[in-house]
Amino acid sequence: MASTFESLVTIIFFTLLVQGHGQCQLKDLTVSTSKTPRQIQDVQEWQVMFVNNCKCNLKDIIVSCKGFQSLEDVDPNVFAPIGNDKFIVNGGLPIEPFASVIFLYADPQHFVFKPVSHDMVCVST
């Protein structure tokens, strides 16, 4: 009886693991940066877009960006430093499947934003 129970628990655990954590990877979060037509204090403005290409919500998204700075204020609810050239996206709140979060910054330099980690939330329907 105990081995049957242990087998059932193991099967349930692996089923949940496959349904959830195996679905979204870092590559499912795409980051694009493009120039806008605006200049801020004679400095180029850039638009950064984070797109969730997974069928699950992505939350607690952390990206790295060495030396990031902006002459233009960046909404900390959208993109905020958390230390060591790492930043949290969307205040840690989920980005829904196939949705995006956008922010603007102004700097002569084009920065590269590299996804480091995220959590996901899959809701079964």
PDB file of N, CA and C in Angstrom:
ATOM      1  N   MET A   1       0.825  -1.196   0.000  1.00  0.00           N
ATOM      2  CA  MET A   1       0.000   0.000   0.000  1.00  0.00           C
ATOM      3  C   MET A   1       0.862   1.250   0.000  1.00  0.00           C
ATOM      4  N   ALA A   2       1.930   1.257   0.821  1.00  0.00           N
ATOM      5  CA  ALA A   2       2.799   2.431   0.896  1.00  0.00           C
ATOM      6  C   ALA A   2       3.502   2.671  -0.429  1.00  0.00           C
ATOM      7  N   SER A   3       3.953   1.609  -1.100  1.00  0.00           N
ATOM      8  CA  SER A   3       4.649   1.808  -2.373  1.00  0.00           C
ATOM      9  C   SER A   3       3.688   2.309  -3.445  1.00  0.00           C
ATOM     10  N   THR A   4       2.438   1.907  -3.406  1.00  0.00           N
ATOM     11  CA  THR A   4       1.446   2.411  -4.344  1.00  0.00           C
ATOM     12  C   THR A   4       1.224   3.903  -4.120  1.00  0.00           C
ATOM     13  N   PHE A   5       1.135   4.314  -2.859  1.00  0.00           N
ATOM     14  CA  PHE A   5       0.952   5.724  -2.517  1.00  0.00           C
ATOM     15  C   PHE A   5       2.160   6.538  -2.976  1.00  0.00           C
ATOM     16  N   GLU A   6       3.361   6.022  -2.709  1.00  0.00           N
ATOM     17  CA  GLU A   6       4.580   6.725  -3.126  1.00  0.00           C
ATOM     18  C   GLU A   6       4.650   6.842  -4.648  1.00  0.00           C
ATOM     19  N   SER A   7       4.246   5.808  -5.344  1.00  0.00           N
ATOM     20  CA  SER A   7       4.245   5.850  -6.810  1.00  0.00           C
ATOM     21  C   SER A   7       3.255   6.882  -7.323  1.00  0.00           C
ATOM     22  N   LEU A   8       2.082   6.935  -6.706  1.00  0.00           N
ATOM     23  CA  LEU A   8       1.070   7.908  -7.109  1.00  0.00           C
ATOM     24  C   LEU A   8       1.556   9.334  -6.864  1.00  0.00           C
ATOM     25  N   VAL A   9       2.165   9.585  -5.724  1.00  0.00           N
ATOM     26  CA  VAL A   9       2.704  10.912  -5.411  1.00  0.00           C
ATOM     27  C   VAL A   9       3.794  11.283  -6.408  1.00  0.00           C
ATOM     28  N   THR A  10       4.657  10.352  -6.746  1.00  0.00           N
ATOM     29  CA  THR A  10       5.732  10.600  -7.715  1.00  0.00           C
ATOM     30  C   THR A  10       5.151  10.944  -9.087  1.00  0.00           C
ATOM     31  N   ILE A  11       4.142  10.207  -9.522  1.00  0.00           N
ATOM     32  CA  ILE A  11       3.520  10.472 -10.822  1.00  0.00           C
ATOM     33  C   ILE A  11       2.883  11.856 -10.827  1.00  0.00           C
ATOM     34  N   ILE A  12       2.174  12.205  -9.771  1.00  0.00           N
ATOM     35  CA  ILE A  12       1.541  13.534  -9.684  1.00  0.00           C
ATOM     36  C   ILE A  12       2.606  14.617  -9.705  1.00  0.00           C
ATOM     37  N   PHE A  13       3.681  14.442  -8.950  1.00  0.00           N
ATOM     38  CA  PHE A  13       4.758  15.429  -8.902  1.00  0.00           C
ATOM     39  C   PHE A  13       5.348  15.661 -10.291  1.00  0.00           C
ATOM     40  N   PHE A  14       5.685  14.604 -11.003  1.00  0.00           N
ATOM     41  CA  PHE A  14       6.289  14.756 -12.324  1.00  0.00           C
ATOM     42  C   PHE A  14       5.301  15.315 -13.353  1.00  0.00           C
ATOM     43  N   THR A  15       4.027  14.980 -13.212  1.00  0.00           N
ATOM     44  CA  THR A  15       3.013  15.543 -14.098  1.00  0.00           C
ATOM     45  C   THR A  15       2.930  17.051 -13.923  1.00  0.00           C
ATOM     46  N   LEU A  16       2.910  17.498 -12.676  1.00  0.00           N
ATOM     47  CA  LEU A  16       2.882  18.936 -12.406  1.00  0.00           C
ATOM     48  C   LEU A  16       4.150  19.610 -12.897  1.00  0.00           C
ATOM     49  N   LEU A  17       5.263  18.957 -12.732  1.00  0.00           N
ATOM     50  CA  LEU A  17       6.536  19.520 -13.189  1.00  0.00           C
ATOM     51  C   LEU A  17       6.541  19.704 -14.698  1.00  0.00           C
ATOM     52  N   VAL A  18       6.080  18.697 -15.435  1.00  0.00           N
ATOM     53  CA  VAL A  18       6.064  18.777 -16.893  1.00  0.00           C
ATOM     54  C   VAL A  18       5.054  19.816 -17.365  1.00  0.00           C
ATOM     55  N   GLN A  19       3.894  19.900 -16.729  1.00  0.00           N
ATOM     56  CA  GLN A  19       2.874  20.855 -17.152  1.00  0.00           C
ATOM     57  C   GLN A  19       3.279  22.285 -16.862  1.00  0.00           C
ATOM     58  N   GLY A  20       4.065  22.514 -15.851  1.00  0.00           N
ATOM     59  CA  GLY A  20       4.395  23.877 -15.468  1.00  0.00           C
ATOM     60  C   GLY A  20       5.779  24.289 -15.878  1.00  0.00           C
ATOM     61  N   HIS A  21       6.762  23.867 -15.132  1.00  0.00           N
ATOM     62  CA  HIS A  21       8.108  24.402 -15.267  1.00  0.00           C
ATOM     63  C   HIS A  21       8.798  24.055 -16.572  1.00  0.00           C
ATOM     64  N   GLY A  22       8.314  23.068 -17.304  1.00  0.00           N
ATOM     65  CA  GLY A  22       8.951  22.731 -18.559  1.00  0.00           C
ATOM     66  C   GLY A  22       8.462  23.559 -19.721  1.00  0.00           C
ATOM     67  N   GLN A  23       7.501  24.458 -19.497  1.00  0.00           N
ATOM     68  CA  GLN A  23       6.881  25.150 -20.620  1.00  0.00           C
ATOM     69  C   GLN A  23       7.599  26.424 -21.037  1.00  0.00           C
ATOM     70  N   CYS A  24       8.099  27.200 -20.110  1.00  0.00           N
ATOM     71  CA  CYS A  24       8.684  28.503 -20.439  1.00  0.00           C
ATOM     72  C   CYS A  24      10.179  28.507 -20.134  1.00  0.00           C
ATOM     73  N   GLN A  25      10.919  29.076 -21.045  1.00  0.00           N
ATOM     74  CA  GLN A  25      12.355  29.204 -20.871  1.00  0.00           C
ATOM     75  C   GLN A  25      12.743  30.665 -21.048  1.00  0.00           C
ATOM     76  N   LEU A  26      13.988  30.998 -20.743  1.00  0.00           N
ATOM     77  CA  LEU A  26      14.441  32.382 -20.902  1.00  0.00           C
ATOM     78  C   LEU A  26      14.284  32.863 -22.338  1.00  0.00           C
ATOM     79  N   LYS A  27      14.447  31.958 -23.291  1.00  0.00           N
ATOM     80  CA  LYS A  27      14.314  32.355 -24.698  1.00  0.00           C
ATOM     81  C   LYS A  27      12.889  32.769 -25.052  1.00  0.00           C
ATOM     82  N   ASP A  28      11.910  32.432 -24.195  1.00  0.00           N
ATOM     83  CA  ASP A  28      10.523  32.821 -24.437  1.00  0.00           C
ATOM     84  C   ASP A  28      10.251  34.276 -24.080  1.00  0.00           C
ATOM     85  N   LEU A  29      11.218  34.923 -23.474  1.00  0.00           N
ATOM     86  CA  LEU A  29      11.115  36.357 -23.195  1.00  0.00           C
ATOM     87  C   LEU A  29      12.035  37.064 -24.184  1.00  0.00           C
ATOM     88  N   THR A  30      11.447  37.780 -25.125  1.00  0.00           N
ATOM     89  CA  THR A  30      12.271  38.504 -26.084  1.00  0.00           C
ATOM     90  C   THR A  30      12.362  39.971 -25.684  1.00  0.00           C
ATOM     91  N   VAL A  31      13.524  40.528 -25.947  1.00  0.00           N
ATOM     92  CA  VAL A  31      13.780  41.927 -25.630  1.00  0.00           C
ATOM     93  C   VAL A  31      14.238  42.607 -26.912  1.00  0.00           C
ATOM     94  N   SER A  32      13.559  43.698 -27.250  1.00  0.00           N
ATOM     95  CA  SER A  32      13.980  44.461 -28.424  1.00  0.00           C
ATOM     96  C   SER A  32      14.159  45.920 -28.030  1.00  0.00           C
ATOM     97  N   THR A  33      15.142  46.541 -28.639  1.00  0.00           N
ATOM     98  CA  THR A  33      15.427  47.959 -28.399  1.00  0.00           C
ATOM     99  C   THR A  33      15.440  48.662 -29.746  1.00  0.00           C
ATOM    100  N   SER A  34      14.746  49.797 -29.788  1.00  0.00           N
ATOM    101  CA  SER A  34      14.718  50.556 -31.038  1.00  0.00           C
ATOM    102  C   SER A  34      14.774  52.051 -30.742  1.00  0.00           C
ATOM    103  N   LYS A  35      15.310  52.796 -31.701  1.00  0.00           N
ATOM    104  CA  LYS A  35      15.367  54.251 -31.577  1.00  0.00           C
ATOM    105  C   LYS A  35      13.957  54.820 -31.724  1.00  0.00           C
ATOM    106  N   THR A  36      13.680  55.879 -30.964  1.00  0.00           N
ATOM    107  CA  THR A  36      12.448  56.636 -31.180  1.00  0.00           C
ATOM    108  C   THR A  36      12.842  57.890 -31.967  1.00  0.00           C
ATOM    109  N   PRO A  37      11.876  58.634 -32.456  1.00  0.00           N
ATOM    110  CA  PRO A  37      12.218  59.866 -33.174  1.00  0.00           C
ATOM    111  C   PRO A  37      12.625  61.013 -32.249  1.00  0.00           C
ATOM    112  N   ARG A  38      12.500  60.827 -30.956  1.00  0.00           N
ATOM    113  CA  ARG A  38      12.753  61.909 -29.996  1.00  0.00           C
ATOM    114  C   ARG A  38      14.209  61.993 -29.549  1.00  0.00           C
ATOM    115  N   GLN A  39      14.588  63.189 -29.150  1.00  0.00           N
ATOM    116  CA  GLN A  39      15.873  63.464 -28.518  1.00  0.00           C
ATOM    117  C   GLN A  39      15.556  64.083 -27.154  1.00  0.00           C
ATOM    118  N   ILE A  40      16.259  63.671 -26.132  1.00  0.00           N
ATOM    119  CA  ILE A  40      16.122  64.239 -24.792  1.00  0.00           C
ATOM    120  C   ILE A  40      17.448  64.917 -24.476  1.00  0.00           C
ATOM    121  N   GLN A  41      17.429  66.212 -24.323  1.00  0.00           N
ATOM    122  CA  GLN A  41      18.657  66.986 -24.085  1.00  0.00           C
ATOM    123  C   GLN A  41      19.717  66.647 -25.137  1.00  0.00           C
ATOM    124  N   ASP A  42      19.292  66.611 -26.388  1.00  0.00           N
ATOM    125  CA  ASP A  42      20.164  66.297 -27.524  1.00  0.00           C
ATOM    126  C   ASP A  42      20.756  64.889 -27.470  1.00  0.00           C
ATOM    127  N   VAL A  43      20.078  64.006 -26.767  1.00  0.00           N
ATOM    128  CA  VAL A  43      20.525  62.619 -26.644  1.00  0.00           C
ATOM    129  C   VAL A  43      19.413  61.704 -27.164  1.00  0.00           C
ATOM    130  N   GLN A  44      19.800  60.655 -27.855  1.00  0.00           N
ATOM    131  CA  GLN A  44      18.846  59.718 -28.446  1.00  0.00           C
ATOM    132  C   GLN A  44      17.953  59.063 -27.391  1.00  0.00           C
ATOM    133  N   GLU A  45      16.656  58.978 -27.705  1.00  0.00           N
ATOM    134  CA  GLU A  45      15.727  58.229 -26.859  1.00  0.00           C
ATOM    135  C   GLU A  45      15.552  56.841 -27.472  1.00  0.00           C
ATOM    136  N   TRP A  46      15.457  55.833 -26.610  1.00  0.00           N
ATOM    137  CA  TRP A  46      15.312  54.439 -27.016  1.00  0.00           C
ATOM    138  C   TRP A  46      14.054  53.846 -26.399  1.00  0.00           C
ATOM    139  N   GLN A  47      13.427  52.930 -27.110  1.00  0.00           N
ATOM    140  CA  GLN A  47      12.298  52.182 -26.575  1.00  0.00           C
ATOM    141  C   GLN A  47      12.731  50.733 -26.374  1.00  0.00           C
ATOM    142  N   VAL A  48      12.457  50.204 -25.183  1.00  0.00           N
ATOM    143  CA  VAL A  48      12.762  48.803 -24.888  1.00  0.00           C
ATOM    144  C   VAL A  48      11.441  48.070 -24.681  1.00  0.00           C
ATOM    145  N   MET A  49      11.298  46.932 -25.357  1.00  0.00           N
ATOM    146  CA  MET A  49      10.076  46.142 -25.244  1.00  0.00           C
ATOM    147  C   MET A  49      10.419  44.718 -24.810  1.00  0.00           C
ATOM    148  N   PHE A  50       9.769  44.289 -23.723  1.00  0.00           N
ATOM    149  CA  PHE A  50       9.871  42.923 -23.241  1.00  0.00           C
ATOM    150  C   PHE A  50       8.592  42.213 -23.660  1.00  0.00           C
ATOM    151  N   VAL A  51       8.714  41.118 -24.408  1.00  0.00           N
ATOM    152  CA  VAL A  51       7.550  40.390 -24.901  1.00  0.00           C
ATOM    153  C   VAL A  51       7.576  38.966 -24.348  1.00  0.00           C
ATOM    154  N   ASN A  52       6.455  38.574 -23.740  1.00  0.00           N
ATOM    155  CA  ASN A  52       6.294  37.218 -23.231  1.00  0.00           C
ATOM    156  C   ASN A  52       5.752  36.347 -24.365  1.00  0.00           C
ATOM    157  N   ASN A  53       6.581  35.468 -24.891  1.00  0.00           N
ATOM    158  CA  ASN A  53       6.185  34.580 -25.986  1.00  0.00           C
ATOM    159  C   ASN A  53       5.784  33.196 -25.497  1.00  0.00           C
ATOM    160  N   CYS A  54       5.466  33.096 -24.217  1.00  0.00           N
ATOM    161  CA  CYS A  54       5.080  31.819 -23.619  1.00  0.00           C
ATOM    162  C   CYS A  54       3.575  31.810 -23.383  1.00  0.00           C
ATOM    163  N   LYS A  55       2.990  30.631 -23.301  1.00  0.00           N
ATOM    164  CA  LYS A  55       1.551  30.548 -23.049  1.00  0.00           C
ATOM    165  C   LYS A  55       1.211  30.653 -21.567  1.00  0.00           C
ATOM    166  N   CYS A  56       2.217  30.890 -20.733  1.00  0.00           N
ATOM    167  CA  CYS A  56       2.020  31.106 -19.301  1.00  0.00           C
ATOM    168  C   CYS A  56       2.433  32.530 -18.945  1.00  0.00           C
ATOM    169  N   ASN A  57       1.935  33.024 -17.827  1.00  0.00           N
ATOM    170  CA  ASN A  57       2.382  34.329 -17.327  1.00  0.00           C
ATOM    171  C   ASN A  57       3.831  34.224 -16.878  1.00  0.00           C
ATOM    172  N   LEU A  58       4.622  35.258 -17.153  1.00  0.00           N
ATOM    173  CA  LEU A  58       5.988  35.334 -16.645  1.00  0.00           C
ATOM    174  C   LEU A  58       6.031  36.441 -15.604  1.00  0.00           C
ATOM    175  N   LYS A  59       6.629  36.155 -14.451  1.00  0.00           N
ATOM    176  CA  LYS A  59       6.718  37.153 -13.388  1.00  0.00           C
ATOM    177  C   LYS A  59       8.120  37.133 -12.795  1.00  0.00           C
ATOM    178  N   ASP A  60       8.383  38.128 -11.948  1.00  0.00           N
ATOM    179  CA  ASP A  60       9.707  38.248 -11.310  1.00  0.00           C
ATOM    180  C   ASP A  60      10.827  38.165 -12.349  1.00  0.00           C
ATOM    181  N   ILE A  61      10.645  38.879 -13.448  1.00  0.00           N
ATOM    182  CA  ILE A  61      11.617  38.859 -14.543  1.00  0.00           C
ATOM    183  C   ILE A  61      12.813  39.721 -14.156  1.00  0.00           C
ATOM    184  N   ILE A  62      13.988  39.120 -14.216  1.00  0.00           N
ATOM    185  CA  ILE A  62      15.244  39.806 -13.922  1.00  0.00           C
ATOM    186  C   ILE A  62      16.076  39.827 -15.203  1.00  0.00           C
ATOM    187  N   VAL A  63      16.603  41.017 -15.527  1.00  0.00           N
ATOM    188  CA  VAL A  63      17.497  41.152 -16.674  1.00  0.00           C
ATOM    189  C   VAL A  63      18.798  41.795 -16.199  1.00  0.00           C
ATOM    190  N   SER A  64      19.852  41.542 -16.941  1.00  0.00           N
ATOM    191  CA  SER A  64      21.118  42.220 -16.657  1.00  0.00           C
ATOM    192  C   SER A  64      21.368  43.251 -17.749  1.00  0.00           C
ATOM    193  N   CYS A  65      22.003  44.335 -17.338  1.00  0.00           N
ATOM    194  CA  CYS A  65      22.346  45.391 -18.283  1.00  0.00           C
ATOM    195  C   CYS A  65      23.486  46.195 -17.673  1.00  0.00           C
ATOM    196  N   LYS A  66      24.681  45.873 -18.094  1.00  0.00           N
ATOM    197  CA  LYS A  66      25.870  46.503 -17.522  1.00  0.00           C
ATOM    198  C   LYS A  66      25.907  47.999 -17.825  1.00  0.00           C
ATOM    199  N   GLY A  67      26.017  48.794 -16.770  1.00  0.00           N
ATOM    200  CA  GLY A  67      26.207  50.232 -16.896  1.00  0.00           C
ATOM    201  C   GLY A  67      24.983  51.025 -17.300  1.00  0.00           C
ATOM    202  N   PHE A  68      23.798  50.421 -17.200  1.00  0.00           N
ATOM    203  CA  PHE A  68      22.597  51.137 -17.664  1.00  0.00           C
ATOM    204  C   PHE A  68      22.410  52.454 -16.925  1.00  0.00           C
ATOM    205  N   GLN A  69      22.057  53.480 -17.712  1.00  0.00           N
ATOM    206  CA  GLN A  69      21.722  54.796 -17.178  1.00  0.00           C
ATOM    207  C   GLN A  69      20.806  55.487 -18.165  1.00  0.00           C
ATOM    208  N   SER A  70      20.116  56.533 -17.697  1.00  0.00           N
ATOM    209  CA  SER A  70      19.205  57.254 -18.571  1.00  0.00           C
ATOM    210  C   SER A  70      19.107  58.709 -18.140  1.00  0.00           C
ATOM    211  N   LEU A  71      19.125  59.607 -19.118  1.00  0.00           N
ATOM    212  CA  LEU A  71      18.872  61.016 -18.844  1.00  0.00           C
ATOM    213  C   LEU A  71      17.389  61.260 -18.595  1.00  0.00           C
ATOM    214  N   GLU A  72      16.571  60.365 -19.101  1.00  0.00           N
ATOM    215  CA  GLU A  72      15.122  60.431 -18.953  1.00  0.00           C
ATOM    216  C   GLU A  72      14.720  59.538 -17.780  1.00  0.00           C
ATOM    217  N   ASP A  73      13.786  60.017 -16.958  1.00  0.00           N
ATOM    218  CA  ASP A  73      13.314  59.196 -15.847  1.00  0.00           C
ATOM    219  C   ASP A  73      12.630  57.944 -16.378  1.00  0.00           C
ATOM    220  N   VAL A  74      12.957  56.818 -15.748  1.00  0.00           N
ATOM    221  CA  VAL A  74      12.349  55.540 -16.096  1.00  0.00           C
ATOM    222  C   VAL A  74      11.408  55.169 -14.957  1.00  0.00           C
ATOM    223  N   ASP A  75      10.177  54.809 -15.296  1.00  0.00           N
ATOM    224  CA  ASP A  75       9.191  54.427 -14.288  1.00  0.00           C
ATOM    225  C   ASP A  75       9.692  53.187 -13.540  1.00  0.00           C
ATOM    226  N   PRO A  76       9.939  53.306 -12.226  1.00  0.00           N
ATOM    227  CA  PRO A  76      10.455  52.165 -11.471  1.00  0.00           C
ATOM    228  C   PRO A  76       9.459  51.011 -11.352  1.00  0.00           C
ATOM    229  N   ASN A  77       8.180  51.265 -11.660  1.00  0.00           N
ATOM    230  CA  ASN A  77       7.206  50.175 -11.676  1.00  0.00           C
ATOM    231  C   ASN A  77       7.350  49.317 -12.923  1.00  0.00           C
ATOM    232  N   VAL A  78       8.062  49.833 -13.913  1.00  0.00           N
ATOM    233  CA  VAL A  78       8.263  49.107 -15.164  1.00  0.00           C
ATOM    234  C   VAL A  78       9.665  48.518 -15.248  1.00  0.00           C
ATOM    235  N   PHE A  79      10.661  49.278 -14.756  1.00  0.00           N
ATOM    236  CA  PHE A  79      12.054  48.837 -14.860  1.00  0.00           C
ATOM    237  C   PHE A  79      12.844  49.469 -13.729  1.00  0.00           C
ATOM    238  N   ALA A  80      13.345  48.653 -12.813  1.00  0.00           N
ATOM    239  CA  ALA A  80      14.013  49.197 -11.631  1.00  0.00           C
ATOM    240  C   ALA A  80      15.275  48.401 -11.288  1.00  0.00           C
ATOM    241  N   PRO A  81      16.316  49.104 -10.849  1.00  0.00           N
ATOM    242  CA  PRO A  81      17.545  48.413 -10.456  1.00  0.00           C
ATOM    243  C   PRO A  81      17.348  47.625  -9.167  1.00  0.00           C
ATOM    244  N   ILE A  82      18.007  46.460  -9.108  1.00  0.00           N
ATOM    245  CA  ILE A  82      17.994  45.662  -7.879  1.00  0.00           C
ATOM    246  C   ILE A  82      19.412  45.328  -7.430  1.00  0.00           C
ATOM    247  N   GLY A  83      20.414  45.916  -8.111  1.00  0.00           N
ATOM    248  CA  GLY A  83      21.809  45.726  -7.720  1.00  0.00           C
ATOM    249  C   GLY A  83      22.608  44.895  -8.694  1.00  0.00           C
ATOM    250  N   ASN A  84      23.932  45.134  -8.694  1.00  0.00           N
ATOM    251  CA  ASN A  84      24.877  44.364  -9.515  1.00  0.00           C
ATOM    252  C   ASN A  84      24.489  44.317 -10.997  1.00  0.00           C
ATOM    253  N   ASP A  85      24.122  45.483 -11.564  1.00  0.00           N
ATOM    254  CA  ASP A  85      23.734  45.579 -12.974  1.00  0.00           C
ATOM    255  C   ASP A  85      22.532  44.713 -13.327  1.00  0.00           C
ATOM    256  N   LYS A  86      21.703  44.404 -12.327  1.00  0.00           N
ATOM    257  CA  LYS A  86      20.487  43.628 -12.557  1.00  0.00           C
ATOM    258  C   LYS A  86      19.267  44.506 -12.282  1.00  0.00           C
ATOM    259  N   PHE A  87      18.178  44.217 -13.021  1.00  0.00           N
ATOM    260  CA  PHE A  87      16.966  45.019 -12.967  1.00  0.00           C
ATOM    261  C   PHE A  87      15.749  44.104 -12.953  1.00  0.00           C
ATOM    262  N   ILE A  88      14.686  44.574 -12.292  1.00  0.00           N
ATOM    263  CA  ILE A  88      13.429  43.828 -12.294  1.00  0.00           C
ATOM    264  C   ILE A  88      12.467  44.522 -13.253  1.00  0.00           C
ATOM    265  N   VAL A  89      11.755  43.718 -14.016  1.00  0.00           N
ATOM    266  CA  VAL A  89      10.832  44.207 -15.040  1.00  0.00           C
ATOM    267  C   VAL A  89       9.398  44.148 -14.505  1.00  0.00           C
ATOM    268  N   ASN A  90       8.633  45.195 -14.771  1.00  0.00           N
ATOM    269  CA  ASN A  90       7.210  45.259 -14.423  1.00  0.00           C
ATOM    270  C   ASN A  90       6.974  45.128 -12.922  1.00  0.00           C
ATOM    271  N   GLY A  91       7.926  45.569 -12.131  1.00  0.00           N
ATOM    272  CA  GLY A  91       7.772  45.497 -10.680  1.00  0.00           C
ATOM    273  C   GLY A  91       7.637  44.081 -10.155  1.00  0.00           C
ATOM    274  N   GLY A  92       8.047  43.104 -10.954  1.00  0.00           N
ATOM    275  CA  GLY A  92       7.913  41.702 -10.564  1.00  0.00           C
ATOM    276  C   GLY A  92       6.546  41.122 -10.870  1.00  0.00           C
ATOM    277  N   LEU A  93       5.621  41.968 -11.301  1.00  0.00           N
ATOM    278  CA  LEU A  93       4.272  41.491 -11.613  1.00  0.00           C
ATOM    279  C   LEU A  93       4.270  40.686 -12.915  1.00  0.00           C
ATOM    280  N   PRO A  94       3.290  39.805 -13.070  1.00  0.00           N
ATOM    281  CA  PRO A  94       3.251  38.970 -14.278  1.00  0.00           C
ATOM    282  C   PRO A  94       3.026  39.769 -15.558  1.00  0.00           C
ATOM    283  N   ILE A  95       3.644  39.274 -16.613  1.00  0.00           N
ATOM    284  CA  ILE A  95       3.332  39.718 -17.974  1.00  0.00           C
ATOM    285  C   ILE A  95       2.549  38.568 -18.589  1.00  0.00           C
ATOM    286  N   GLU A  96       1.364  38.861 -19.047  1.00  0.00           N
ATOM    287  CA  GLU A  96       0.492  37.820 -19.599  1.00  0.00           C
ATOM    288  C   GLU A  96       1.063  37.243 -20.886  1.00  0.00           C
ATOM    289  N   PRO A  97       0.578  36.060 -21.259  1.00  0.00           N
ATOM    290  CA  PRO A  97       1.052  35.448 -22.504  1.00  0.00           C
ATOM    291  C   PRO A  97       0.880  36.371 -23.699  1.00  0.00           C
ATOM    292  N   PHE A  98       1.942  36.507 -24.467  1.00  0.00           N
ATOM    293  CA  PHE A  98       1.993  37.262 -25.717  1.00  0.00           C
ATOM    294  C   PHE A  98       1.720  38.762 -25.522  1.00  0.00           C
ATOM    295  N   ALA A  99       1.885  39.228 -24.291  1.00  0.00           N
ATOM    296  CA  ALA A  99       1.762  40.660 -23.985  1.00  0.00           C
ATOM    297  C   ALA A  99       3.168  41.247 -23.865  1.00  0.00           C
ATOM    298  N   SER A 100       3.222  42.577 -23.793  1.00  0.00           N
ATOM    299  CA  SER A 100       4.524  43.233 -23.697  1.00  0.00           C
ATOM    300  C   SER A 100       4.508  44.328 -22.639  1.00  0.00           C
ATOM    301  N   VAL A 101       5.702  44.677 -22.205  1.00  0.00           N
ATOM    302  CA  VAL A 101       5.935  45.798 -21.302  1.00  0.00           C
ATOM    303  C   VAL A 101       6.997  46.663 -21.970  1.00  0.00           C
ATOM    304  N   ILE A 102       6.759  47.974 -21.975  1.00  0.00           N
ATOM    305  CA  ILE A 102       7.634  48.898 -22.693  1.00  0.00           C
ATOM    306  C   ILE A 102       8.102  50.001 -21.756  1.00  0.00           C
ATOM    307  N   PHE A 103       9.362  50.406 -21.912  1.00  0.00           N
ATOM    308  CA  PHE A 103       9.838  51.613 -21.249  1.00  0.00           C
ATOM    309  C   PHE A 103      10.763  52.364 -22.194  1.00  0.00           C
ATOM    310  N   LEU A 104      10.973  53.636 -21.876  1.00  0.00           N
ATOM    311  CA  LEU A 104      11.836  54.504 -22.670  1.00  0.00           C
ATOM    312  C   LEU A 104      13.025  54.942 -21.828  1.00  0.00           C
ATOM    313  N   TYR A 105      14.159  55.133 -22.490  1.00  0.00           N
ATOM    314  CA  TYR A 105      15.320  55.715 -21.829  1.00  0.00           C
ATOM    315  C   TYR A 105      16.062  56.580 -22.831  1.00  0.00           C
ATOM    316  N   ALA A 106      16.862  57.488 -22.308  1.00  0.00           N
ATOM    317  CA  ALA A 106      17.656  58.367 -23.167  1.00  0.00           C
ATOM    318  C   ALA A 106      19.122  58.249 -22.785  1.00  0.00           C
ATOM    319  N   ASP A 107      19.924  57.899 -23.755  1.00  0.00           N
ATOM    320  CA  ASP A 107      21.362  57.782 -23.554  1.00  0.00           C
ATOM    321  C   ASP A 107      21.996  57.689 -24.944  1.00  0.00           C
ATOM    322  N   PRO A 108      23.203  58.212 -25.113  1.00  0.00           N
ATOM    323  CA  PRO A 108      23.842  58.075 -26.420  1.00  0.00           C
ATOM    324  C   PRO A 108      24.117  56.614 -26.776  1.00  0.00           C
ATOM    325  N   GLN A 109      24.200  55.786 -25.756  1.00  0.00           N
ATOM    326  CA  GLN A 109      24.564  54.380 -25.941  1.00  0.00           C
ATOM    327  C   GLN A 109      23.321  53.497 -26.031  1.00  0.00           C
ATOM    328  N   HIS A 110      23.389  52.514 -26.911  1.00  0.00           N
ATOM    329  CA  HIS A 110      22.364  51.466 -27.011  1.00  0.00           C
ATOM    330  C   HIS A 110      22.758  50.367 -26.030  1.00  0.00           C
ATOM    331  N   PHE A 111      21.907  50.108 -25.033  1.00  0.00           N
ATOM    332  CA  PHE A 111      22.206  49.071 -24.045  1.00  0.00           C
ATOM    333  C   PHE A 111      21.586  47.742 -24.463  1.00  0.00           C
ATOM    334  N   VAL A 112      22.219  46.659 -24.025  1.00  0.00           N
ATOM    335  CA  VAL A 112      21.718  45.309 -24.275  1.00  0.00           C
ATOM    336  C   VAL A 112      21.132  44.788 -22.963  1.00  0.00           C
ATOM    337  N   PHE A 113      19.880  44.337 -23.023  1.00  0.00           N
ATOM    338  CA  PHE A 113      19.172  43.817 -21.862  1.00  0.00           C
ATOM    339  C   PHE A 113      19.062  42.305 -22.013  1.00  0.00           C
ATOM    340  N   LYS A 114      19.726  41.585 -21.112  1.00  0.00           N
ATOM    341  CA  LYS A 114      19.788  40.130 -21.216  1.00  0.00           C
ATOM    342  C   LYS A 114      18.953  39.488 -20.109  1.00  0.00           C
ATOM    343  N   PRO A 115      17.920  38.702 -20.477  1.00  0.00           N
ATOM    344  CA  PRO A 115      17.138  38.001 -19.454  1.00  0.00           C
ATOM    345  C   PRO A 115      18.020  37.054 -18.644  1.00  0.00           C
ATOM    346  N   VAL A 116      17.855  37.113 -17.323  1.00  0.00           N
ATOM    347  CA  VAL A 116      18.634  36.278 -16.413  1.00  0.00           C
ATOM    348  C   VAL A 116      17.758  35.204 -15.776  1.00  0.00           C
ATOM    349  N   SER A 117      16.552  35.607 -15.346  1.00  0.00           N
ATOM    350  CA  SER A 117      15.656  34.640 -14.708  1.00  0.00           C
ATOM    351  C   SER A 117      14.224  35.154 -14.730  1.00  0.00           C
ATOM    352  N   HIS A 118      13.304  34.239 -14.509  1.00  0.00           N
ATOM    353  CA  HIS A 118      11.885  34.564 -14.346  1.00  0.00           C
ATOM    354  C   HIS A 118      11.196  33.388 -13.678  1.00  0.00           C
ATOM    355  N   ASP A 119      10.038  33.655 -13.142  1.00  0.00           N
ATOM    356  CA  ASP A 119       9.151  32.603 -12.663  1.00  0.00           C
ATOM    357  C   ASP A 119       7.961  32.591 -13.596  1.00  0.00           C
ATOM    358  N   MET A 120       7.237  31.486 -13.601  1.00  0.00           N
ATOM    359  CA  MET A 120       6.058  31.454 -14.454  1.00  0.00           C
ATOM    360  C   MET A 120       4.870  30.947 -13.673  1.00  0.00           C
ATOM    361  N   VAL A 121       3.714  31.378 -14.141  1.00  0.00           N
ATOM    362  CA  VAL A 121       2.463  30.970 -13.541  1.00  0.00           C
ATOM    363  C   VAL A 121       1.573  30.472 -14.668  1.00  0.00           C
ATOM    364  N   CYS A 122       1.282  29.190 -14.657  1.00  0.00           N
ATOM    365  CA  CYS A 122       0.391  28.600 -15.656  1.00  0.00           C
ATOM    366  C   CYS A 122      -0.933  28.274 -14.995  1.00  0.00           C
ATOM    367  N   VAL A 123      -1.978  28.730 -15.630  1.00  0.00           N
ATOM    368  CA  VAL A 123      -3.318  28.458 -15.123  1.00  0.00           C
ATOM    369  C   VAL A 123      -3.986  27.478 -16.057  1.00  0.00           C
ATOM    370  N   SER A 124      -4.406  26.357 -15.521  1.00  0.00           N
ATOM    371  CA  SER A 124      -5.092  25.352 -16.344  1.00  0.00           C
ATOM    372  C   SER A 124      -6.530  25.806 -16.584  1.00  0.00           C
ATOM    373  N   THR A 125      -6.989  25.571 -17.803  1.00  0.00           N
ATOM    374  CA  THR A 125      -8.377  25.922 -18.124  1.00  0.00           C
ATOM    375  C   THR A 125      -9.169  24.703 -18.477  1.00  0.00           C
TER     376      THR A 125
END
